[in-house]
């Protein structure tokens, strides 16, 4: 089940030529996955309050075209894979139907002491349902 987040490129996200600085694409991925999780009824804040943090353990970006100041960006986010301790999200980042970048991130469950832990059952179930749709 893909989830779509849309927003306009802010001036502070660009360089002097009006082109988006590459690190901002990871911020946009975070917007996409937090919106998706909230849509599934499992916000980051709720997961953390329940005692599990989600740490990014892998990130990959592939750029095709640049985003520019004032573009309306569309981030399409999907749950790609769910394991007992990790979840992978895939992203398509586009403007006006033109694909600018693809990305994926893998997040792992972390306990308060910093050790790896299983994803909470309710979260894992919601993510697995989204991955299969």
C-alpha atoms as a PDB file:
ATOM      1  CA  UNK A   1       0.000   0.000   0.000  1.00  0.00           C
ATOM      2  CA  UNK A   2       1.872   3.096  -1.137  1.00  0.00           C
ATOM      3  CA  UNK A   3       1.354   6.339   0.735  1.00  0.00           C
ATOM      4  CA  UNK A   4       1.869   9.729  -0.925  1.00  0.00           C
ATOM      5  CA  UNK A   5       3.218  12.837   0.791  1.00  0.00           C
ATOM      6  CA  UNK A   6       3.360  16.153  -1.076  1.00  0.00           C
ATOM      7  CA  UNK A   7       5.083  19.397  -0.185  1.00  0.00           C
ATOM      8  CA  UNK A   8       6.806  22.355  -1.812  1.00  0.00           C
ATOM      9  CA  UNK A   9      10.618  22.720  -1.891  1.00  0.00           C
ATOM     10  CA  UNK A  10      11.648  25.424   0.571  1.00  0.00           C
ATOM     11  CA  UNK A  11      14.342  27.972  -0.183  1.00  0.00           C
ATOM     12  CA  UNK A  12      16.514  26.700   2.689  1.00  0.00           C
ATOM     13  CA  UNK A  13      16.680  23.256   1.050  1.00  0.00           C
ATOM     14  CA  UNK A  14      18.452  24.622  -2.015  1.00  0.00           C
ATOM     15  CA  UNK A  15      21.872  25.890  -2.990  1.00  0.00           C
ATOM     16  CA  UNK A  16      22.601  29.222  -4.710  1.00  0.00           C
ATOM     17  CA  UNK A  17      21.417  27.804  -8.029  1.00  0.00           C
ATOM     18  CA  UNK A  18      18.024  26.837  -6.593  1.00  0.00           C
ATOM     19  CA  UNK A  19      18.836  23.096  -6.720  1.00  0.00           C
ATOM     20  CA  UNK A  20      17.964  20.929  -3.725  1.00  0.00           C
ATOM     21  CA  UNK A  21      20.970  19.851  -1.657  1.00  0.00           C
ATOM     22  CA  UNK A  22      21.263  16.032  -1.777  1.00  0.00           C
ATOM     23  CA  UNK A  23      20.950  15.395   1.991  1.00  0.00           C
ATOM     24  CA  UNK A  24      17.422  16.836   1.957  1.00  0.00           C
ATOM     25  CA  UNK A  25      16.193  13.785   0.060  1.00  0.00           C
ATOM     26  CA  UNK A  26      16.770  11.718   3.224  1.00  0.00           C
ATOM     27  CA  UNK A  27      14.665  14.230   5.166  1.00  0.00           C
ATOM     28  CA  UNK A  28      11.951  13.779   2.551  1.00  0.00           C
ATOM     29  CA  UNK A  29      12.161  10.001   3.005  1.00  0.00           C
ATOM     30  CA  UNK A  30      11.609  10.541   6.723  1.00  0.00           C
ATOM     31  CA  UNK A  31       8.538  12.630   5.955  1.00  0.00           C
ATOM     32  CA  UNK A  32       7.243   9.828   3.727  1.00  0.00           C
ATOM     33  CA  UNK A  33       7.752   7.027   6.229  1.00  0.00           C
ATOM     34  CA  UNK A  34       6.437   8.959   9.243  1.00  0.00           C
ATOM     35  CA  UNK A  35       3.341   9.929   7.243  1.00  0.00           C
ATOM     36  CA  UNK A  36       2.885   6.291   6.213  1.00  0.00           C
ATOM     37  CA  UNK A  37       3.278   5.026   9.771  1.00  0.00           C
ATOM     38  CA  UNK A  38       0.838   7.646  11.071  1.00  0.00           C
ATOM     39  CA  UNK A  39      -1.614   6.563   8.340  1.00  0.00           C
ATOM     40  CA  UNK A  40      -1.255   2.981   9.606  1.00  0.00           C
ATOM     41  CA  UNK A  41      -2.077   4.137  13.141  1.00  0.00           C
ATOM     42  CA  UNK A  42       1.471   3.698  14.502  1.00  0.00           C
ATOM     43  CA  UNK A  43       3.190   7.061  14.843  1.00  0.00           C
ATOM     44  CA  UNK A  44       6.898   7.221  15.711  1.00  0.00           C
ATOM     45  CA  UNK A  45       5.995   9.015  18.930  1.00  0.00           C
ATOM     46  CA  UNK A  46       3.609   6.215  19.973  1.00  0.00           C
ATOM     47  CA  UNK A  47       6.198   3.531  19.193  1.00  0.00           C
ATOM     48  CA  UNK A  48       8.867   5.378  21.196  1.00  0.00           C
ATOM     49  CA  UNK A  49       6.508   5.971  24.139  1.00  0.00           C
ATOM     50  CA  UNK A  50       5.930   2.211  24.181  1.00  0.00           C
ATOM     51  CA  UNK A  51       9.699   1.700  24.619  1.00  0.00           C
ATOM     52  CA  UNK A  52      11.050   0.998  21.139  1.00  0.00           C
ATOM     53  CA  UNK A  53      13.053   3.426  19.020  1.00  0.00           C
ATOM     54  CA  UNK A  54      13.467   2.970  15.284  1.00  0.00           C
ATOM     55  CA  UNK A  55      17.013   3.612  14.102  1.00  0.00           C
ATOM     56  CA  UNK A  56      18.012   4.005  10.455  1.00  0.00           C
ATOM     57  CA  UNK A  57      20.644   1.331   9.852  1.00  0.00           C
ATOM     58  CA  UNK A  58      20.824   1.615   6.061  1.00  0.00           C
ATOM     59  CA  UNK A  59      20.025   4.340   3.533  1.00  0.00           C
ATOM     60  CA  UNK A  60      20.411   4.335  -0.233  1.00  0.00           C
ATOM     61  CA  UNK A  61      19.594   7.083  -2.744  1.00  0.00           C
ATOM     62  CA  UNK A  62      19.772   7.086  -6.542  1.00  0.00           C
ATOM     63  CA  UNK A  63      19.428  10.469  -8.245  1.00  0.00           C
ATOM     64  CA  UNK A  64      18.131  10.952 -11.782  1.00  0.00           C
ATOM     65  CA  UNK A  65      17.143  14.645 -11.918  1.00  0.00           C
ATOM     66  CA  UNK A  66      17.338  17.568  -9.500  1.00  0.00           C
ATOM     67  CA  UNK A  67      14.486  19.123  -7.573  1.00  0.00           C
ATOM     68  CA  UNK A  68      14.391  22.908  -7.572  1.00  0.00           C
ATOM     69  CA  UNK A  69      13.086  25.695  -5.406  1.00  0.00           C
ATOM     70  CA  UNK A  70       9.262  25.906  -5.402  1.00  0.00           C
ATOM     71  CA  UNK A  71       8.777  22.454  -7.032  1.00  0.00           C
ATOM     72  CA  UNK A  72       5.920  20.425  -5.583  1.00  0.00           C
ATOM     73  CA  UNK A  73       7.568  17.179  -4.517  1.00  0.00           C
ATOM     74  CA  UNK A  74       5.679  13.907  -4.282  1.00  0.00           C
ATOM     75  CA  UNK A  75       7.186  11.146  -2.116  1.00  0.00           C
ATOM     76  CA  UNK A  76       5.553   7.762  -2.655  1.00  0.00           C
ATOM     77  CA  UNK A  77       6.465   5.427   0.205  1.00  0.00           C
ATOM     78  CA  UNK A  78       5.973   1.658   0.402  1.00  0.00           C
ATOM     79  CA  UNK A  79       6.738  -0.949   3.030  1.00  0.00           C
ATOM     80  CA  UNK A  80       9.050  -3.304   1.141  1.00  0.00           C
ATOM     81  CA  UNK A  81      10.080  -5.889   3.751  1.00  0.00           C
ATOM     82  CA  UNK A  82       9.280  -6.576   7.382  1.00  0.00           C
ATOM     83  CA  UNK A  83      11.366  -8.814   9.612  1.00  0.00           C
ATOM     84  CA  UNK A  84      11.174  -9.422  13.341  1.00  0.00           C
ATOM     85  CA  UNK A  85      13.657  -6.602  14.099  1.00  0.00           C
ATOM     86  CA  UNK A  86      13.771  -4.516  10.905  1.00  0.00           C
ATOM     87  CA  UNK A  87      11.587  -2.862   8.295  1.00  0.00           C
ATOM     88  CA  UNK A  88      12.594  -1.602   4.865  1.00  0.00           C
ATOM     89  CA  UNK A  89      10.818   1.299   3.177  1.00  0.00           C
ATOM     90  CA  UNK A  90      11.097   2.099  -0.553  1.00  0.00           C
ATOM     91  CA  UNK A  91      10.568   5.606  -1.934  1.00  0.00           C
ATOM     92  CA  UNK A  92       9.942   7.225  -5.304  1.00  0.00           C
ATOM     93  CA  UNK A  93      10.541  10.976  -5.291  1.00  0.00           C
ATOM     94  CA  UNK A  94       9.005  12.864  -8.199  1.00  0.00           C
ATOM     95  CA  UNK A  95       7.883  16.263  -9.455  1.00  0.00           C
ATOM     96  CA  UNK A  96       5.021  16.567 -11.927  1.00  0.00           C
ATOM     97  CA  UNK A  97       5.115  12.850 -12.695  1.00  0.00           C
ATOM     98  CA  UNK A  98       8.861  12.916 -13.451  1.00  0.00           C
ATOM     99  CA  UNK A  99      10.931  10.582 -11.270  1.00  0.00           C
ATOM    100  CA  UNK A 100      13.790  12.470  -9.613  1.00  0.00           C
ATOM    101  CA  UNK A 101      15.165   9.834  -7.245  1.00  0.00           C
ATOM    102  CA  UNK A 102      14.560   6.425  -5.763  1.00  0.00           C
ATOM    103  CA  UNK A 103      15.574   5.458  -2.272  1.00  0.00           C
ATOM    104  CA  UNK A 104      15.269   2.859   0.430  1.00  0.00           C
ATOM    105  CA  UNK A 105      15.921   2.875   4.140  1.00  0.00           C
ATOM    106  CA  UNK A 106      16.065   0.047   6.648  1.00  0.00           C
ATOM    107  CA  UNK A 107      15.137   0.742  10.239  1.00  0.00           C
ATOM    108  CA  UNK A 108      15.815  -1.493  13.224  1.00  0.00           C
ATOM    109  CA  UNK A 109      14.080  -1.715  16.567  1.00  0.00           C
ATOM    110  CA  UNK A 110      16.202  -0.425  19.447  1.00  0.00           C
ATOM    111  CA  UNK A 111      15.564  -0.822  23.172  1.00  0.00           C
ATOM    112  CA  UNK A 112      16.182   2.021  25.641  1.00  0.00           C
ATOM    113  CA  UNK A 113      19.639   0.598  26.419  1.00  0.00           C
ATOM    114  CA  UNK A 114      20.641   0.806  22.726  1.00  0.00           C
ATOM    115  CA  UNK A 115      20.396  -2.910  22.025  1.00  0.00           C
ATOM    116  CA  UNK A 116      18.594  -4.362  19.068  1.00  0.00           C
ATOM    117  CA  UNK A 117      15.059  -5.502  19.849  1.00  0.00           C
ATOM    118  CA  UNK A 118      12.062  -6.898  18.022  1.00  0.00           C
ATOM    119  CA  UNK A 119       9.579  -4.517  16.505  1.00  0.00           C
ATOM    120  CA  UNK A 120       6.432  -4.295  18.651  1.00  0.00           C
ATOM    121  CA  UNK A 121       3.868  -6.882  17.532  1.00  0.00           C
ATOM    122  CA  UNK A 122       1.168  -4.297  16.664  1.00  0.00           C
ATOM    123  CA  UNK A 123       3.607  -2.278  14.574  1.00  0.00           C
ATOM    124  CA  UNK A 124       4.991  -5.345  12.821  1.00  0.00           C
ATOM    125  CA  UNK A 125       1.455  -6.552  12.017  1.00  0.00           C
ATOM    126  CA  UNK A 126       0.448  -3.153  10.589  1.00  0.00           C
ATOM    127  CA  UNK A 127       3.633  -2.951   8.515  1.00  0.00           C
ATOM    128  CA  UNK A 128       3.176  -6.511   7.215  1.00  0.00           C
ATOM    129  CA  UNK A 129      -0.389  -5.723   6.172  1.00  0.00           C
ATOM    130  CA  UNK A 130       0.833  -2.629   4.314  1.00  0.00           C
ATOM    131  CA  UNK A 131       3.616  -4.623   2.619  1.00  0.00           C
ATOM    132  CA  UNK A 132       1.157  -7.226   1.333  1.00  0.00           C
ATOM    133  CA  UNK A 133      -1.343  -4.713  -0.110  1.00  0.00           C
END
